[in-house]
């Protein structure tokens, strides 16, 4: 299955979920500033996770030639065509570096957070928006908040699925960034959230 993501900046600016992209930290933004990726490079596609640039193809669309990254998502094996000029608009970015890994772990260890006492569906929408940004820091906050909430009360079905999604996205990227196995990262997360 190939999904074609060709969004204009105008279409993206209308989308509420993309408003969060502007909230990304400047350190995190540097990973998406360079829009050129190489074949074989691992990158992160928001809400889908880590993928590999399998190729760069030129296709004629509406009478004009356009270049596309052929991105294969590792978890689902789905292939996505992303126009090279839309990389920033869709939030495609490089895997985080060691400096960002430390920030992610600080967020996960900081369990002294106030969880809004809003309804589960409002929290779910808020967490969905955070995950759609593709920001590893926002995903870490969602995971942490849901684990804290889980300690206080039972999570709804949607929140349990959101917790799994956030955990899977984070584990895959941290494993690649730290050159660890996913099992080792899962063990680190179990240790962090056991305390």
C-alpha atoms as a PDB file:
ATOM      1  CA  UNK A   1       0.000   0.000   0.000  1.00  0.00           C
ATOM      2  CA  UNK A   2       1.366   3.412  -0.954  1.00  0.00           C
ATOM      3  CA  UNK A   3       0.029   6.581   0.610  1.00  0.00           C
ATOM      4  CA  UNK A   4       0.722   9.849  -1.166  1.00  0.00           C
ATOM      5  CA  UNK A   5       1.097  12.866   1.088  1.00  0.00           C
ATOM      6  CA  UNK A   6       1.042  16.037  -0.959  1.00  0.00           C
ATOM      7  CA  UNK A   7      -0.107  18.881   1.232  1.00  0.00           C
ATOM      8  CA  UNK A   8       0.327  22.543   0.477  1.00  0.00           C
ATOM      9  CA  UNK A   9       1.503  24.777   3.272  1.00  0.00           C
ATOM     10  CA  UNK A  10      -1.860  26.522   3.140  1.00  0.00           C
ATOM     11  CA  UNK A  11      -3.726  23.232   3.739  1.00  0.00           C
ATOM     12  CA  UNK A  12      -1.403  22.401   6.611  1.00  0.00           C
ATOM     13  CA  UNK A  13      -1.755  25.797   8.260  1.00  0.00           C
ATOM     14  CA  UNK A  14      -5.508  25.241   8.420  1.00  0.00           C
ATOM     15  CA  UNK A  15      -5.017  21.994  10.264  1.00  0.00           C
ATOM     16  CA  UNK A  16      -5.219  22.379  14.040  1.00  0.00           C
ATOM     17  CA  UNK A  17      -2.888  19.473  14.612  1.00  0.00           C
ATOM     18  CA  UNK A  18      -0.073  21.210  12.764  1.00  0.00           C
ATOM     19  CA  UNK A  19      -0.325  24.263  14.991  1.00  0.00           C
ATOM     20  CA  UNK A  20       1.651  22.237  17.499  1.00  0.00           C
ATOM     21  CA  UNK A  21       4.603  21.991  15.098  1.00  0.00           C
ATOM     22  CA  UNK A  22       5.408  25.622  15.772  1.00  0.00           C
ATOM     23  CA  UNK A  23       5.636  24.799  19.470  1.00  0.00           C
ATOM     24  CA  UNK A  24       8.578  22.452  18.917  1.00  0.00           C
ATOM     25  CA  UNK A  25      11.733  23.396  20.752  1.00  0.00           C
ATOM     26  CA  UNK A  26      14.462  25.029  18.700  1.00  0.00           C
ATOM     27  CA  UNK A  27      16.780  22.124  19.515  1.00  0.00           C
ATOM     28  CA  UNK A  28      14.282  19.642  18.139  1.00  0.00           C
ATOM     29  CA  UNK A  29      13.541  21.820  15.112  1.00  0.00           C
ATOM     30  CA  UNK A  30      17.167  21.618  13.984  1.00  0.00           C
ATOM     31  CA  UNK A  31      16.629  17.953  13.173  1.00  0.00           C
ATOM     32  CA  UNK A  32      14.040  18.837  10.539  1.00  0.00           C
ATOM     33  CA  UNK A  33      15.705  21.983   9.144  1.00  0.00           C
ATOM     34  CA  UNK A  34      17.780  20.071   6.609  1.00  0.00           C
ATOM     35  CA  UNK A  35      15.290  18.734   4.118  1.00  0.00           C
ATOM     36  CA  UNK A  36      17.618  16.448   2.196  1.00  0.00           C
ATOM     37  CA  UNK A  37      17.685  12.834   3.273  1.00  0.00           C
ATOM     38  CA  UNK A  38      19.772  10.027   1.841  1.00  0.00           C
ATOM     39  CA  UNK A  39      18.586   6.647   0.646  1.00  0.00           C
ATOM     40  CA  UNK A  40      18.871   4.229   3.573  1.00  0.00           C
ATOM     41  CA  UNK A  41      18.571   6.962   6.205  1.00  0.00           C
ATOM     42  CA  UNK A  42      16.194   6.348   9.117  1.00  0.00           C
ATOM     43  CA  UNK A  43      13.762   9.196   9.751  1.00  0.00           C
ATOM     44  CA  UNK A  44      10.647   9.846  11.828  1.00  0.00           C
ATOM     45  CA  UNK A  45       7.266  10.466  10.215  1.00  0.00           C
ATOM     46  CA  UNK A  46       4.729  11.970  12.666  1.00  0.00           C
ATOM     47  CA  UNK A  47       2.179   9.532  14.142  1.00  0.00           C
ATOM     48  CA  UNK A  48       3.634   6.645  12.089  1.00  0.00           C
ATOM     49  CA  UNK A  49       7.062   6.407  13.675  1.00  0.00           C
ATOM     50  CA  UNK A  50      10.446   5.436  12.325  1.00  0.00           C
ATOM     51  CA  UNK A  51      10.877   4.693   8.653  1.00  0.00           C
ATOM     52  CA  UNK A  52      13.642   4.222   6.113  1.00  0.00           C
ATOM     53  CA  UNK A  53      14.119   6.300   2.971  1.00  0.00           C
ATOM     54  CA  UNK A  54      14.034   3.504   0.406  1.00  0.00           C
ATOM     55  CA  UNK A  55      14.514   5.710  -2.620  1.00  0.00           C
ATOM     56  CA  UNK A  56      14.027   9.070  -4.277  1.00  0.00           C
ATOM     57  CA  UNK A  57      11.804   8.980  -7.340  1.00  0.00           C
ATOM     58  CA  UNK A  58      10.757  11.546  -9.894  1.00  0.00           C
ATOM     59  CA  UNK A  59       7.129  11.432 -10.989  1.00  0.00           C
ATOM     60  CA  UNK A  60       5.031  13.636 -13.256  1.00  0.00           C
ATOM     61  CA  UNK A  61       2.063  15.036 -11.346  1.00  0.00           C
ATOM     62  CA  UNK A  62      -0.406  17.386 -13.054  1.00  0.00           C
ATOM     63  CA  UNK A  63       2.046  17.953 -15.873  1.00  0.00           C
ATOM     64  CA  UNK A  64       5.028  18.879 -13.718  1.00  0.00           C
ATOM     65  CA  UNK A  65       7.942  16.784 -12.516  1.00  0.00           C
ATOM     66  CA  UNK A  66       8.243  16.308  -8.763  1.00  0.00           C
ATOM     67  CA  UNK A  67      10.700  14.401  -6.610  1.00  0.00           C
ATOM     68  CA  UNK A  68       9.416  12.084  -3.886  1.00  0.00           C
ATOM     69  CA  UNK A  69      10.992  10.301  -0.967  1.00  0.00           C
ATOM     70  CA  UNK A  70       9.831   6.691  -0.837  1.00  0.00           C
ATOM     71  CA  UNK A  71       9.516   6.083   2.902  1.00  0.00           C
ATOM     72  CA  UNK A  72       8.891   2.608   4.320  1.00  0.00           C
ATOM     73  CA  UNK A  73       7.535   2.674   7.880  1.00  0.00           C
ATOM     74  CA  UNK A  74       9.326   0.000   9.906  1.00  0.00           C
ATOM     75  CA  UNK A  75       6.422  -1.107  12.124  1.00  0.00           C
ATOM     76  CA  UNK A  76       3.752  -1.433   9.441  1.00  0.00           C
ATOM     77  CA  UNK A  77       5.864  -1.939   6.293  1.00  0.00           C
ATOM     78  CA  UNK A  78       3.670   0.734   4.681  1.00  0.00           C
ATOM     79  CA  UNK A  79       5.288   2.829   1.931  1.00  0.00           C
ATOM     80  CA  UNK A  80       4.573   6.551   1.833  1.00  0.00           C
ATOM     81  CA  UNK A  81       5.469   8.914  -0.995  1.00  0.00           C
ATOM     82  CA  UNK A  82       6.469  12.335   0.337  1.00  0.00           C
ATOM     83  CA  UNK A  83       7.213  15.211  -2.051  1.00  0.00           C
ATOM     84  CA  UNK A  84      10.710  16.460  -1.231  1.00  0.00           C
ATOM     85  CA  UNK A  85       9.472  20.061  -1.101  1.00  0.00           C
ATOM     86  CA  UNK A  86       6.882  19.154   1.564  1.00  0.00           C
ATOM     87  CA  UNK A  87       9.220  17.522   4.061  1.00  0.00           C
ATOM     88  CA  UNK A  88       8.942  20.314   6.636  1.00  0.00           C
ATOM     89  CA  UNK A  89       5.190  20.705   6.118  1.00  0.00           C
ATOM     90  CA  UNK A  90       4.514  17.055   6.949  1.00  0.00           C
ATOM     91  CA  UNK A  91       7.027  17.050   9.828  1.00  0.00           C
ATOM     92  CA  UNK A  92       9.481  14.475   8.500  1.00  0.00           C
ATOM     93  CA  UNK A  93      12.629  14.659  10.628  1.00  0.00           C
ATOM     94  CA  UNK A  94      15.843  12.874  11.499  1.00  0.00           C
ATOM     95  CA  UNK A  95      16.202  10.512  14.458  1.00  0.00           C
ATOM     96  CA  UNK A  96      17.027  12.431  17.638  1.00  0.00           C
ATOM     97  CA  UNK A  97      20.596  12.779  18.894  1.00  0.00           C
ATOM     98  CA  UNK A  98      22.120  12.060  22.306  1.00  0.00           C
ATOM     99  CA  UNK A  99      21.316  15.566  23.605  1.00  0.00           C
ATOM    100  CA  UNK A 100      17.612  15.060  22.901  1.00  0.00           C
ATOM    101  CA  UNK A 101      17.668  11.548  24.397  1.00  0.00           C
ATOM    102  CA  UNK A 102      18.694  13.080  27.738  1.00  0.00           C
ATOM    103  CA  UNK A 103      15.763  15.545  27.543  1.00  0.00           C
ATOM    104  CA  UNK A 104      13.332  12.694  26.829  1.00  0.00           C
ATOM    105  CA  UNK A 105      14.520  10.771  29.893  1.00  0.00           C
ATOM    106  CA  UNK A 106      14.244  13.903  32.069  1.00  0.00           C
ATOM    107  CA  UNK A 107      10.620  14.300  30.975  1.00  0.00           C
ATOM    108  CA  UNK A 108       9.857  10.639  31.669  1.00  0.00           C
ATOM    109  CA  UNK A 109      11.413  10.788  35.156  1.00  0.00           C
ATOM    110  CA  UNK A 110       9.544  13.980  36.132  1.00  0.00           C
ATOM    111  CA  UNK A 111       6.365  12.477  37.534  1.00  0.00           C
ATOM    112  CA  UNK A 112       5.349  15.552  39.528  1.00  0.00           C
ATOM    113  CA  UNK A 113       2.878  16.728  36.920  1.00  0.00           C
ATOM    114  CA  UNK A 114      -0.677  17.941  37.233  1.00  0.00           C
ATOM    115  CA  UNK A 115      -3.059  15.847  35.184  1.00  0.00           C
ATOM    116  CA  UNK A 116      -6.113  17.813  34.089  1.00  0.00           C
ATOM    117  CA  UNK A 117      -9.285  16.432  35.593  1.00  0.00           C
ATOM    118  CA  UNK A 118     -11.024  16.691  32.253  1.00  0.00           C
ATOM    119  CA  UNK A 119     -13.024  13.895  30.681  1.00  0.00           C
ATOM    120  CA  UNK A 120     -11.095  11.025  29.113  1.00  0.00           C
ATOM    121  CA  UNK A 121     -12.206  11.951  25.591  1.00  0.00           C
ATOM    122  CA  UNK A 122     -10.854  15.496  25.922  1.00  0.00           C
ATOM    123  CA  UNK A 123      -7.559  14.149  27.238  1.00  0.00           C
ATOM    124  CA  UNK A 124      -7.548  11.649  24.368  1.00  0.00           C
ATOM    125  CA  UNK A 125      -7.988  14.441  21.783  1.00  0.00           C
ATOM    126  CA  UNK A 126      -5.234  16.486  23.431  1.00  0.00           C
ATOM    127  CA  UNK A 127      -2.854  13.515  23.473  1.00  0.00           C
ATOM    128  CA  UNK A 128      -3.707  12.683  19.847  1.00  0.00           C
ATOM    129  CA  UNK A 129      -2.756  16.223  18.814  1.00  0.00           C
ATOM    130  CA  UNK A 130       0.543  15.930  20.664  1.00  0.00           C
ATOM    131  CA  UNK A 131       1.388  12.640  18.984  1.00  0.00           C
ATOM    132  CA  UNK A 132       0.485  14.013  15.545  1.00  0.00           C
ATOM    133  CA  UNK A 133       3.141  16.718  15.929  1.00  0.00           C
ATOM    134  CA  UNK A 134       5.846  14.062  15.742  1.00  0.00           C
ATOM    135  CA  UNK A 135       7.723  15.831  18.532  1.00  0.00           C
ATOM    136  CA  UNK A 136       9.581  13.262  20.593  1.00  0.00           C
ATOM    137  CA  UNK A 137       9.264  15.549  23.630  1.00  0.00           C
ATOM    138  CA  UNK A 138       5.473  15.753  23.254  1.00  0.00           C
ATOM    139  CA  UNK A 139       5.252  11.968  22.831  1.00  0.00           C
ATOM    140  CA  UNK A 140       7.348  11.520  25.992  1.00  0.00           C
ATOM    141  CA  UNK A 141       4.949  13.826  27.881  1.00  0.00           C
ATOM    142  CA  UNK A 142       1.941  11.809  26.675  1.00  0.00           C
ATOM    143  CA  UNK A 143       3.554   8.560  27.796  1.00  0.00           C
ATOM    144  CA  UNK A 144       4.518   9.988  31.179  1.00  0.00           C
ATOM    145  CA  UNK A 145       1.109  11.578  31.771  1.00  0.00           C
ATOM    146  CA  UNK A 146      -0.728   8.368  30.916  1.00  0.00           C
ATOM    147  CA  UNK A 147       1.501   6.317  33.225  1.00  0.00           C
ATOM    148  CA  UNK A 148       0.910   8.831  36.039  1.00  0.00           C
ATOM    149  CA  UNK A 149      -2.840   8.742  35.349  1.00  0.00           C
ATOM    150  CA  UNK A 150      -2.772   4.929  35.268  1.00  0.00           C
ATOM    151  CA  UNK A 151      -1.394   4.988  38.818  1.00  0.00           C
ATOM    152  CA  UNK A 152      -4.408   7.019  39.982  1.00  0.00           C
ATOM    153  CA  UNK A 153      -7.237   5.327  38.111  1.00  0.00           C
ATOM    154  CA  UNK A 154      -8.064   2.856  35.388  1.00  0.00           C
ATOM    155  CA  UNK A 155      -7.457   4.125  31.879  1.00  0.00           C
ATOM    156  CA  UNK A 156     -10.208   4.080  29.267  1.00  0.00           C
ATOM    157  CA  UNK A 157      -9.789   1.794  26.256  1.00  0.00           C
ATOM    158  CA  UNK A 158      -8.766   4.779  24.101  1.00  0.00           C
ATOM    159  CA  UNK A 159      -6.217   5.920  26.681  1.00  0.00           C
ATOM    160  CA  UNK A 160      -4.734   2.406  26.895  1.00  0.00           C
ATOM    161  CA  UNK A 161      -4.350   2.358  23.104  1.00  0.00           C
ATOM    162  CA  UNK A 162      -2.817   5.849  23.227  1.00  0.00           C
ATOM    163  CA  UNK A 163      -0.358   4.680  25.898  1.00  0.00           C
ATOM    164  CA  UNK A 164       0.667   1.757  23.660  1.00  0.00           C
ATOM    165  CA  UNK A 165       1.041   4.058  20.650  1.00  0.00           C
ATOM    166  CA  UNK A 166       3.179   6.585  22.543  1.00  0.00           C
ATOM    167  CA  UNK A 167       5.310   3.813  24.050  1.00  0.00           C
ATOM    168  CA  UNK A 168       5.867   2.136  20.666  1.00  0.00           C
ATOM    169  CA  UNK A 169       6.795   5.397  18.929  1.00  0.00           C
ATOM    170  CA  UNK A 170       9.200   6.348  21.707  1.00  0.00           C
ATOM    171  CA  UNK A 171      10.791   2.913  22.124  1.00  0.00           C
ATOM    172  CA  UNK A 172      11.563   2.563  18.417  1.00  0.00           C
ATOM    173  CA  UNK A 173      13.216   5.979  18.168  1.00  0.00           C
ATOM    174  CA  UNK A 174      15.125   5.717  21.459  1.00  0.00           C
ATOM    175  CA  UNK A 175      16.429   2.268  20.486  1.00  0.00           C
ATOM    176  CA  UNK A 176      17.854   3.651  17.249  1.00  0.00           C
ATOM    177  CA  UNK A 177      19.160   6.859  18.854  1.00  0.00           C
ATOM    178  CA  UNK A 178      20.933   4.965  21.657  1.00  0.00           C
ATOM    179  CA  UNK A 179      21.919   1.930  19.525  1.00  0.00           C
ATOM    180  CA  UNK A 180      20.123  -0.339  22.005  1.00  0.00           C
ATOM    181  CA  UNK A 181      17.637  -3.112  21.433  1.00  0.00           C
ATOM    182  CA  UNK A 182      13.975  -2.256  21.821  1.00  0.00           C
ATOM    183  CA  UNK A 183      13.823  -4.757  24.702  1.00  0.00           C
ATOM    184  CA  UNK A 184      16.544  -2.805  26.565  1.00  0.00           C
ATOM    185  CA  UNK A 185      14.618   0.457  26.106  1.00  0.00           C
ATOM    186  CA  UNK A 186      11.397  -1.244  27.310  1.00  0.00           C
ATOM    187  CA  UNK A 187      13.264  -2.428  30.407  1.00  0.00           C
ATOM    188  CA  UNK A 188      14.508   1.120  31.056  1.00  0.00           C
ATOM    189  CA  UNK A 189      10.942   2.435  30.763  1.00  0.00           C
ATOM    190  CA  UNK A 190       9.628  -0.262  33.127  1.00  0.00           C
ATOM    191  CA  UNK A 191      12.290   0.783  35.649  1.00  0.00           C
ATOM    192  CA  UNK A 192      11.424   4.478  35.303  1.00  0.00           C
ATOM    193  CA  UNK A 193       7.685   3.910  35.740  1.00  0.00           C
ATOM    194  CA  UNK A 194       8.026   1.295  38.492  1.00  0.00           C
ATOM    195  CA  UNK A 195       9.267   3.976  40.909  1.00  0.00           C
END
